[in-house]
Protein backbone atom coordinates (compact mmCIF):
# COMPACT_ATOMS: atom_id res chain seq x y z
CA MET A 1 0.08 0.04 0.00
CA ARG A 2 1.34 3.42 -0.92
CA GLY A 3 1.93 6.29 1.29
CA LYS A 4 -0.99 8.29 0.02
CA GLU A 5 -3.37 5.58 0.47
CA LEU A 6 -2.39 5.06 4.04
CA ARG A 7 -2.75 8.91 4.68
CA LEU A 8 -6.25 8.85 2.76
CA ARG A 9 -7.55 6.31 5.51
CA ARG A 10 -6.59 8.73 8.37
CA ILE A 11 -9.09 11.07 7.06
CA MET A 12 -12.01 8.69 6.54
CA GLU A 13 -14.06 6.19 8.23
CA ASN A 14 -15.32 3.30 6.11
CA ASN A 15 -14.46 5.37 3.05
CA LYS A 16 -16.68 8.34 4.49
CA SER A 17 -15.40 11.89 5.56
CA VAL A 18 -16.71 14.63 7.94
CA ILE A 19 -14.19 17.36 7.67
CA ILE A 20 -14.21 20.57 9.72
CA PRO A 21 -12.61 23.36 7.82
CA MET A 22 -11.25 25.95 9.99
CA ASP A 23 -9.14 27.97 7.93
CA HIS A 24 -11.32 31.05 8.05
CA GLY A 25 -8.85 33.00 10.05
CA VAL A 26 -6.68 34.17 7.04
CA THR A 27 -9.84 35.22 5.04
CA ASN A 28 -11.76 36.77 7.76
CA GLY A 29 -9.65 36.91 10.95
CA PRO A 30 -11.02 35.61 14.24
CA ILE A 31 -14.66 34.96 13.61
CA LYS A 32 -17.31 33.62 16.04
CA GLY A 33 -16.14 29.91 16.93
CA LEU A 34 -12.74 30.17 16.15
CA GLU A 35 -11.56 32.88 18.80
CA ASN A 36 -9.94 29.62 20.71
CA ILE A 37 -9.43 27.32 17.79
CA LYS A 38 -7.45 24.69 19.76
CA SER A 39 -10.32 24.26 22.16
CA MET A 40 -12.65 23.96 18.89
CA VAL A 41 -10.39 21.38 17.58
CA GLU A 42 -11.15 19.33 20.42
CA LEU A 43 -14.75 19.74 20.34
CA VAL A 44 -15.47 18.75 16.87
CA SER A 45 -13.05 15.73 17.08
CA LYS A 46 -15.16 14.54 19.95
CA GLY A 47 -18.20 14.84 17.78
CA GLY A 48 -16.76 12.21 15.09
CA ALA A 49 -15.03 14.43 12.75
CA THR A 50 -12.63 12.30 10.63
CA ALA A 51 -10.55 15.31 10.09
CA VAL A 52 -9.98 19.11 10.81
CA LEU A 53 -8.47 21.24 8.35
CA LEU A 54 -6.13 24.15 9.37
CA HIS A 55 -3.44 26.48 8.20
CA LYS A 56 0.38 25.66 9.19
CA GLY A 57 0.41 28.29 11.87
CA ILE A 58 -2.43 26.83 13.67
CA ILE A 59 -1.10 23.41 13.27
CA LYS A 60 2.37 24.30 14.80
CA GLN A 61 0.46 25.92 17.73
CA LEU A 62 -1.45 22.66 18.55
CA GLU A 63 -0.26 21.07 21.93
CA LYS A 64 -1.28 17.61 20.89
CA ALA A 65 -2.32 15.91 17.86
CA PRO A 66 -6.15 15.76 17.26
CA ASN A 67 -8.08 12.63 17.82
CA CYS A 68 -8.72 12.73 13.96
CA GLY A 69 -7.08 13.21 10.69
CA LEU A 70 -5.21 16.48 10.24
CA ILE A 71 -5.21 18.57 6.88
CA MET A 72 -3.10 21.25 6.10
CA HIS A 73 -4.58 24.09 3.83
CA ILE A 74 -2.05 25.76 1.59
CA SER A 75 -3.71 28.42 -0.12
CA GLY A 76 -5.27 31.91 0.88
CA SER A 77 -6.48 35.37 0.36
CA THR A 78 -8.06 37.96 2.62
CA ALA A 79 -11.48 39.71 2.57
CA LEU A 80 -9.32 42.89 3.00
CA GLY A 81 -7.30 42.44 -0.53
CA PRO A 82 -8.19 44.01 -3.66
CA ASP A 83 -9.25 40.57 -5.03
CA PRO A 84 -10.25 38.04 -2.34
CA ASN A 85 -11.03 35.41 -5.07
CA TRP A 86 -7.27 35.24 -6.18
CA LYS A 87 -6.01 32.43 -3.91
CA VAL A 88 -2.29 32.16 -3.80
CA ILE A 89 -0.04 29.56 -2.33
CA VAL A 90 0.98 30.12 1.32
CA GLY A 91 2.55 26.86 2.20
CA THR A 92 4.38 23.59 0.61
CA VAL A 93 3.87 19.92 0.40
CA GLU A 94 7.11 19.47 1.83
CA GLU A 95 6.19 21.57 4.94
CA ALA A 96 3.22 19.30 5.39
CA VAL A 97 5.03 16.20 5.56
CA LYS A 98 7.44 17.74 8.16
CA LEU A 99 4.41 18.75 10.28
CA GLY A 100 2.99 15.23 9.83
CA VAL A 101 -0.44 15.87 8.34
CA ASP A 102 -2.47 13.52 6.48
CA ALA A 103 -3.41 15.64 3.29
CA VAL A 104 -3.00 19.09 1.91
CA SER A 105 -5.85 21.23 0.39
CA ILE A 106 -5.78 23.94 -2.02
CA HIS A 107 -8.64 26.38 -3.09
CA VAL A 108 -9.38 27.31 -6.79
CA ASN A 109 -11.96 29.83 -7.96
CA ILE A 110 -12.95 28.80 -11.47
CA GLY A 111 -14.13 31.72 -13.48
CA SER A 112 -12.33 34.47 -11.76
CA GLU A 113 -10.04 36.87 -13.39
CA ARG A 114 -7.03 35.03 -11.80
CA GLU A 115 -8.21 31.49 -12.58
CA PRO A 116 -5.01 30.66 -14.80
CA GLU A 117 -2.63 31.36 -12.00
CA MET A 118 -4.75 29.20 -9.59
CA LEU A 119 -5.01 26.37 -12.29
CA LYS A 120 -1.30 26.63 -12.55
CA ASP A 121 -0.70 26.24 -8.83
CA LEU A 122 -3.19 23.26 -8.54
CA GLY A 123 -1.13 21.41 -11.25
CA GLN A 124 2.17 21.92 -9.60
CA ILE A 125 0.93 21.09 -6.12
CA SER A 126 -0.70 17.92 -7.52
CA THR A 127 2.71 16.93 -8.93
CA GLU A 128 4.47 17.55 -5.48
CA CYS A 129 1.77 15.72 -3.85
CA GLU A 130 2.44 12.60 -5.94
CA ASP A 131 6.22 12.98 -5.40
CA TRP A 132 5.66 13.08 -1.54
CA GLN A 133 2.64 10.67 -1.65
CA MET A 134 0.39 13.25 0.21
CA PRO A 135 -3.38 13.34 -0.65
CA LEU A 136 -4.55 16.52 -2.17
CA ILE A 137 -8.13 17.85 -1.55
CA ALA A 138 -8.98 20.67 -4.22
CA MET A 139 -11.62 23.05 -3.25
CA MET A 140 -13.24 23.90 -6.59
CA TYR A 141 -15.41 26.99 -6.45
CA PRO A 142 -17.42 28.58 -9.22
CA ARG A 143 -16.70 32.38 -8.28
CA GLY A 144 -16.43 35.28 -10.66
CA LYS A 145 -18.13 37.90 -12.91
CA ASN A 146 -21.22 36.48 -14.42
CA ILE A 147 -20.73 33.04 -12.75
CA ASP A 148 -23.54 31.24 -11.11
CA ALA A 149 -22.11 29.63 -8.11
CA PHE A 150 -24.97 26.90 -8.02
CA ASP A 151 -25.40 26.28 -11.60
CA PRO A 152 -25.12 22.47 -11.70
CA LYS A 153 -23.29 22.41 -15.19
CA VAL A 154 -20.87 24.94 -13.76
CA ILE A 155 -20.21 22.94 -10.53
CA ALA A 156 -19.66 19.80 -12.53
CA HIS A 157 -17.10 21.67 -14.83
CA ALA A 158 -15.12 22.89 -11.57
CA SER A 159 -15.14 19.50 -10.23
CA ARG A 160 -13.97 17.82 -13.13
CA ILE A 161 -11.17 20.05 -13.51
CA GLY A 162 -9.92 19.38 -10.05
CA ALA A 163 -9.92 15.65 -10.89
CA GLU A 164 -8.28 16.30 -14.17
CA LEU A 165 -5.29 18.16 -12.80
CA GLY A 166 -4.69 15.47 -10.05
CA ALA A 167 -6.88 16.06 -7.00
CA ASP A 168 -7.76 12.89 -4.84
CA ILE A 169 -10.81 14.53 -3.48
CA ILE A 170 -13.01 17.29 -4.54
CA LYS A 171 -14.84 19.85 -2.19
CA THR A 172 -17.45 21.73 -4.14
CA PRO A 173 -20.78 23.54 -3.27
CA PHE A 174 -24.04 21.32 -3.14
CA THR A 175 -26.44 22.36 -6.31
CA GLY A 176 -29.32 22.23 -3.80
CA LYS A 177 -31.08 19.01 -5.30
CA VAL A 178 -30.16 15.33 -5.20
CA ASP A 179 -30.71 14.62 -8.84
CA THR A 180 -28.62 17.59 -10.12
CA PHE A 181 -25.87 16.95 -7.78
CA SER A 182 -25.74 12.98 -8.71
CA LYS A 183 -24.81 14.30 -12.09
CA VAL A 184 -21.85 16.19 -10.71
CA VAL A 185 -20.78 12.97 -8.86
CA GLU A 186 -21.36 11.12 -12.08
CA GLY A 187 -19.08 13.33 -14.06
CA CYS A 188 -16.08 13.44 -11.53
CA PRO A 189 -13.89 10.22 -11.47
CA VAL A 190 -12.79 11.10 -7.75
CA PRO A 191 -14.67 11.36 -4.60
CA ILE A 192 -16.58 14.52 -3.84
CA ILE A 193 -17.35 16.19 -0.59
CA ILE A 194 -19.90 19.21 -0.41
CA ALA A 195 -19.02 22.58 1.10
CA GLY A 196 -21.11 23.42 3.92
CA GLY A 197 -21.58 26.91 2.81
CA PRO A 198 -22.64 29.81 4.94
CA LYS A 199 -24.28 29.42 8.44
CA THR A 200 -27.90 28.05 7.78
CA GLU A 201 -31.03 29.29 9.89
CA THR A 202 -31.98 25.92 11.15
CA ASP A 203 -30.23 22.74 12.00
CA SER A 204 -32.73 20.88 9.86
CA GLU A 205 -31.79 22.90 6.80
CA ALA A 206 -28.06 22.11 7.37
CA LEU A 207 -28.80 18.40 8.05
CA GLN A 208 -30.97 18.11 5.13
CA MET A 209 -28.25 19.11 3.01
CA VAL A 210 -26.02 16.62 4.28
CA LYS A 211 -28.61 13.91 3.82
CA ASP A 212 -29.40 14.98 0.29
CA SER A 213 -25.68 15.24 -0.60
CA MET A 214 -25.06 11.61 0.48
CA GLU A 215 -27.92 10.16 -1.34
CA ALA A 216 -26.64 12.04 -4.43
CA GLY A 217 -23.33 10.05 -4.14
CA ALA A 218 -21.01 12.27 -2.06
CA MET A 219 -18.43 10.64 -0.03
CA GLY A 220 -18.86 13.18 2.70
CA VAL A 221 -19.07 16.89 3.77
CA ALA A 222 -16.75 19.61 4.82
CA MET A 223 -19.00 21.76 7.34
CA GLY A 224 -17.26 24.81 8.94
CA ARG A 225 -19.34 27.71 10.28
CA ASN A 226 -22.47 25.33 10.55
CA ALA A 227 -20.29 23.26 12.91
CA PHE A 228 -17.97 25.59 14.87
CA GLN A 229 -20.51 28.51 15.25
CA HIS A 230 -23.20 25.88 16.66
CA PRO A 231 -24.21 26.43 20.11
CA ASN A 232 -23.18 22.71 20.63
CA PRO A 233 -20.36 21.97 18.11
CA THR A 234 -19.81 18.47 19.46
CA ALA A 235 -23.42 17.38 19.25
CA PHE A 236 -23.73 18.81 15.63
CA VAL A 237 -20.78 17.20 14.34
CA ARG A 238 -21.95 13.95 16.02
CA ALA A 239 -25.37 14.51 14.30
CA VAL A 240 -23.56 15.12 10.89
CA SER A 241 -21.43 12.05 11.34
CA GLU A 242 -24.32 9.64 11.90
CA ILE A 243 -26.01 10.90 8.61
CA VAL A 244 -22.66 10.48 6.81
CA LYS A 245 -21.39 7.28 8.27
CA LYS A 246 -24.36 5.31 9.21
CA GLY A 247 -27.19 6.95 6.86
CA ILE A 248 -29.59 7.85 9.69
CA SER A 249 -32.65 10.29 8.83
CA VAL A 250 -32.84 13.75 9.36
CA LYS A 251 -35.20 13.26 12.12
CA GLU A 252 -32.98 11.03 13.88
CA ALA A 253 -29.93 13.49 13.53
CA LEU A 254 -32.20 16.22 15.12
CA GLU A 255 -32.93 13.89 18.09
CA ILE A 256 -29.35 13.82 18.62
CA LEU A 257 -29.19 17.66 18.70
CA GLY A 258 -32.12 17.47 20.77
CA SER A 259 -33.96 19.71 18.25
CA LYS A 260 -37.34 19.71 17.18
């Protein structure tokens, strides 16, 4: 078994993934839920997250390894900059290896003015990941002028680009419907996880999105703000995990949360 396959197993459970991205500090600063990020890592890992996703500086600050997989994000931009959609490389695969992480992730905004540079970075990073046997998660988002971020055809195209350029897992927005997202999954030769998106108004809305994505064939989810901004992050991640890993209903998941 190759090193990449071993590392992939560390961010999955029974070939399903519940990833909690917490890389938002570069883009937006210490937003709600991430003021004490080390504490939040513990809370979501207790809920059954298969991995957490962090920037290298936070990984270095962890006092102990989380009780789940560890993914290092190696691209970024800030909401204060002139072009927030232009994600630049802020880390290397070699750094990730030295830090002992299980995968790296890179963000690419398809349709943005700086798409060519980001595609070039994706291709280069995928080559380095193969050299180091490091799994690569490509966050493929349709973003830019005149781009419909939730158009199923555009999401399918963005996802396919990530696979074509060497990613092992694609993270992309959910189209909103099982039938349209199933076509996205069918057109992508590598596993797909959905992005959790902005904080939803209700737990039921967030959990239904998780359930629908799994029915459409997703491998799992990457839930950020809906998890770490929840009043009970551990319980919320546990509810999501039960849907992803065991296929329970939204009603049963809400019972885990004590919601109505």
